[in-house]
C-alpha atoms as a PDB file:
ATOM      1  CA  MET A   1     212.068 119.119  92.510  1.00  0.00           C
ATOM      2  CA  GLY A   2     212.409 122.684  93.874  1.00  0.00           C
ATOM      3  CA  GLU A   3     209.760 125.079  95.029  1.00  0.00           C
ATOM      4  CA  GLU A   4     207.258 126.256  92.423  1.00  0.00           C
ATOM      5  CA  ILE A   5     205.381 129.528  92.070  1.00  0.00           C
ATOM      6  CA  ARG A   6     202.207 130.283  90.158  1.00  0.00           C
ATOM      7  CA  VAL A   7     201.812 133.541  88.259  1.00  0.00           C
ATOM      8  CA  GLU A   8     199.575 134.959  85.545  1.00  0.00           C
ATOM      9  CA  VAL A   9     200.773 136.582  82.328  1.00  0.00           C
ATOM     10  CA  ALA A  10     198.332 139.154  80.910  1.00  0.00           C
ATOM     11  CA  TYR A  11     198.172 140.941  77.566  1.00  0.00           C
ATOM     12  CA  ALA A  12     195.323 143.221  76.500  1.00  0.00           C
ATOM     13  CA  LEU A  13     194.334 144.126  72.981  1.00  0.00           C
ATOM     14  CA  GLN A  14     191.602 146.591  72.083  1.00  0.00           C
ATOM     15  CA  THR A  15     189.134 143.738  71.592  1.00  0.00           C
ATOM     16  CA  GLU A  16     190.287 141.091  74.065  1.00  0.00           C
ATOM     17  CA  GLN A  17     192.314 140.418  77.170  1.00  0.00           C
ATOM     18  CA  VAL A  18     194.305 137.221  77.591  1.00  0.00           C
ATOM     19  CA  VAL A  19     195.430 135.965  80.987  1.00  0.00           C
ATOM     20  CA  LEU A  20     197.482 132.769  81.032  1.00  0.00           C
ATOM     21  CA  PRO A  21     198.413 130.879  84.202  1.00  0.00           C
ATOM     22  CA  VAL A  22     202.031 129.742  84.455  1.00  0.00           C
ATOM     23  CA  ARG A  23     203.965 127.578  86.920  1.00  0.00           C
ATOM     24  CA  LEU A  24     207.636 128.417  87.325  1.00  0.00           C
ATOM     25  CA  PRO A  25     210.516 127.533  89.599  1.00  0.00           C
ATOM     26  CA  ALA A  26     210.958 129.918  92.531  1.00  0.00           C
ATOM     27  CA  GLY A  27     213.181 132.844  91.570  1.00  0.00           C
ATOM     28  CA  ALA A  28     211.968 132.940  87.939  1.00  0.00           C
ATOM     29  CA  THR A  29     211.898 136.296  86.164  1.00  0.00           C
ATOM     30  CA  ILE A  30     209.322 138.228  84.165  1.00  0.00           C
ATOM     31  CA  ALA A  31     211.085 137.219  80.938  1.00  0.00           C
ATOM     32  CA  GLU A  32     210.905 133.542  81.884  1.00  0.00           C
ATOM     33  CA  ALA A  33     207.195 133.812  82.733  1.00  0.00           C
ATOM     34  CA  ILE A  34     206.370 135.480  79.416  1.00  0.00           C
ATOM     35  CA  GLN A  35     208.386 132.907  77.496  1.00  0.00           C
ATOM     36  CA  ARG A  36     206.880 129.940  79.360  1.00  0.00           C
ATOM     37  CA  SER A  37     203.324 131.282  78.952  1.00  0.00           C
ATOM     38  CA  GLY A  38     203.464 130.973  75.161  1.00  0.00           C
ATOM     39  CA  MET A  39     202.296 134.587  74.846  1.00  0.00           C
ATOM     40  CA  LEU A  40     205.056 135.421  72.327  1.00  0.00           C
ATOM     41  CA  LEU A  41     204.012 132.517  70.098  1.00  0.00           C
ATOM     42  CA  ARG A  42     200.344 133.447  70.350  1.00  0.00           C
ATOM     43  CA  TYR A  43     201.005 137.143  69.636  1.00  0.00           C
ATOM     44  CA  PRO A  44     204.184 137.386  67.522  1.00  0.00           C
ATOM     45  CA  GLU A  45     203.703 141.154  67.183  1.00  0.00           C
ATOM     46  CA  ILE A  46     204.826 141.594  70.796  1.00  0.00           C
ATOM     47  CA  ASP A  47     208.283 143.156  70.867  1.00  0.00           C
ATOM     48  CA  LEU A  48     209.532 143.060  74.443  1.00  0.00           C
ATOM     49  CA  ARG A  49     212.228 145.621  73.625  1.00  0.00           C
ATOM     50  CA  ALA A  50     209.548 148.153  72.602  1.00  0.00           C
ATOM     51  CA  SER A  51     206.770 147.099  74.980  1.00  0.00           C
ATOM     52  CA  GLY A  52     206.818 147.790  78.645  1.00  0.00           C
ATOM     53  CA  VAL A  53     206.217 145.053  81.185  1.00  0.00           C
ATOM     54  CA  GLY A  54     205.154 145.211  84.774  1.00  0.00           C
ATOM     55  CA  VAL A  55     203.741 143.453  87.795  1.00  0.00           C
ATOM     56  CA  TYR A  56     200.296 144.594  88.954  1.00  0.00           C
ATOM     57  CA  GLY A  57     200.504 147.876  87.036  1.00  0.00           C
ATOM     58  CA  LYS A  58     204.004 148.851  88.166  1.00  0.00           C
ATOM     59  CA  LEU A  59     206.666 148.980  85.461  1.00  0.00           C
ATOM     60  CA  ALA A  60     209.454 146.455  85.908  1.00  0.00           C
ATOM     61  CA  GLN A  61     212.462 145.088  84.049  1.00  0.00           C
ATOM     62  CA  LEU A  62     212.477 141.706  82.308  1.00  0.00           C
ATOM     63  CA  ASP A  63     214.951 140.363  84.893  1.00  0.00           C
ATOM     64  CA  HIS A  64     212.653 141.231  87.816  1.00  0.00           C
ATOM     65  CA  PRO A  65     212.203 138.146  90.052  1.00  0.00           C
ATOM     66  CA  LEU A  66     208.615 137.021  90.585  1.00  0.00           C
ATOM     67  CA  ARG A  67     206.745 135.889  93.671  1.00  0.00           C
ATOM     68  CA  ASP A  68     203.920 133.415  93.956  1.00  0.00           C
ATOM     69  CA  GLY A  69     200.642 135.012  92.853  1.00  0.00           C
ATOM     70  CA  ASP A  70     202.161 137.853  90.802  1.00  0.00           C
ATOM     71  CA  ARG A  71     200.384 139.086  87.685  1.00  0.00           C
ATOM     72  CA  VAL A  72     202.834 139.893  84.877  1.00  0.00           C
ATOM     73  CA  GLU A  73     201.484 142.431  82.406  1.00  0.00           C
ATOM     74  CA  VAL A  74     202.783 142.962  78.877  1.00  0.00           C
ATOM     75  CA  TYR A  75     201.944 146.468  77.728  1.00  0.00           C
ATOM     76  CA  ARG A  76     201.292 147.573  74.156  1.00  0.00           C
ATOM     77  CA  PRO A  77     203.066 150.640  72.789  1.00  0.00           C
ATOM     78  CA  LEU A  78     200.930 153.783  72.938  1.00  0.00           C
ATOM     79  CA  THR A  79     199.089 154.530  69.700  1.00  0.00           C
ATOM     80  CA  ALA A  80     198.584 158.211  70.544  1.00  0.00           C
ATOM     81  CA  ASP A  81     200.323 160.785  72.673  1.00  0.00           C
ATOM     82  CA  PRO A  82     198.206 161.065  75.849  1.00  0.00           C
ATOM     83  CA  LYS A  83     198.688 164.848  76.073  1.00  0.00           C
ATOM     84  CA  GLU A  84     197.582 165.339  72.479  1.00  0.00           C
ATOM     85  CA  ALA A  85     194.551 163.092  72.980  1.00  0.00           C
ATOM     86  CA  ARG A  86     193.545 165.140  76.041  1.00  0.00           C
ATOM     87  CA  ARG A  87     193.866 168.371  74.038  1.00  0.00           C
ATOM     88  CA  ARG A  88     191.682 166.942  71.273  1.00  0.00           C
ATOM     89  CA  ARG A  89     188.973 165.863  73.723  1.00  0.00           C
ATOM     90  CA  ALA A  90     189.026 169.280  75.407  1.00  0.00           C
ATOM     91  CA  ALA A  91     188.705 171.019  72.038  1.00  0.00           C
ATOM     92  CA  GLU A  92     185.749 168.783  71.108  1.00  0.00           C
ATOM     93  CA  ARG A  93     184.001 169.575  74.397  1.00  0.00           C
ATOM     94  CA  LYS A  94     184.508 173.302  73.766  1.00  0.00           C
ATOM     95  CA  ARG A  95     182.891 173.012  70.323  1.00  0.00           C
ATOM     96  CA  GLU A  96     179.845 171.293  71.857  1.00  0.00           C
END
């Protein structure tokens, strides 16, 4: 048996955060970690083509090779434009 690495696959919803530990063969990719974690079965609404993924907060591609101890993050699509949300908050503060 070849060398194994341990990683975590994380996905955050508005009401919960799920972090699943995964063991993979050395040289495994982000896509393999997500698949092996069962995250896509648990949350079928995840669309990896539309969602970003990353390692420790840095965007990465699905074919990015992982290292032992990495934390793979599956990001949700934005529900609001960040610039527009900032404008709305600023306008609300002005009214107060």
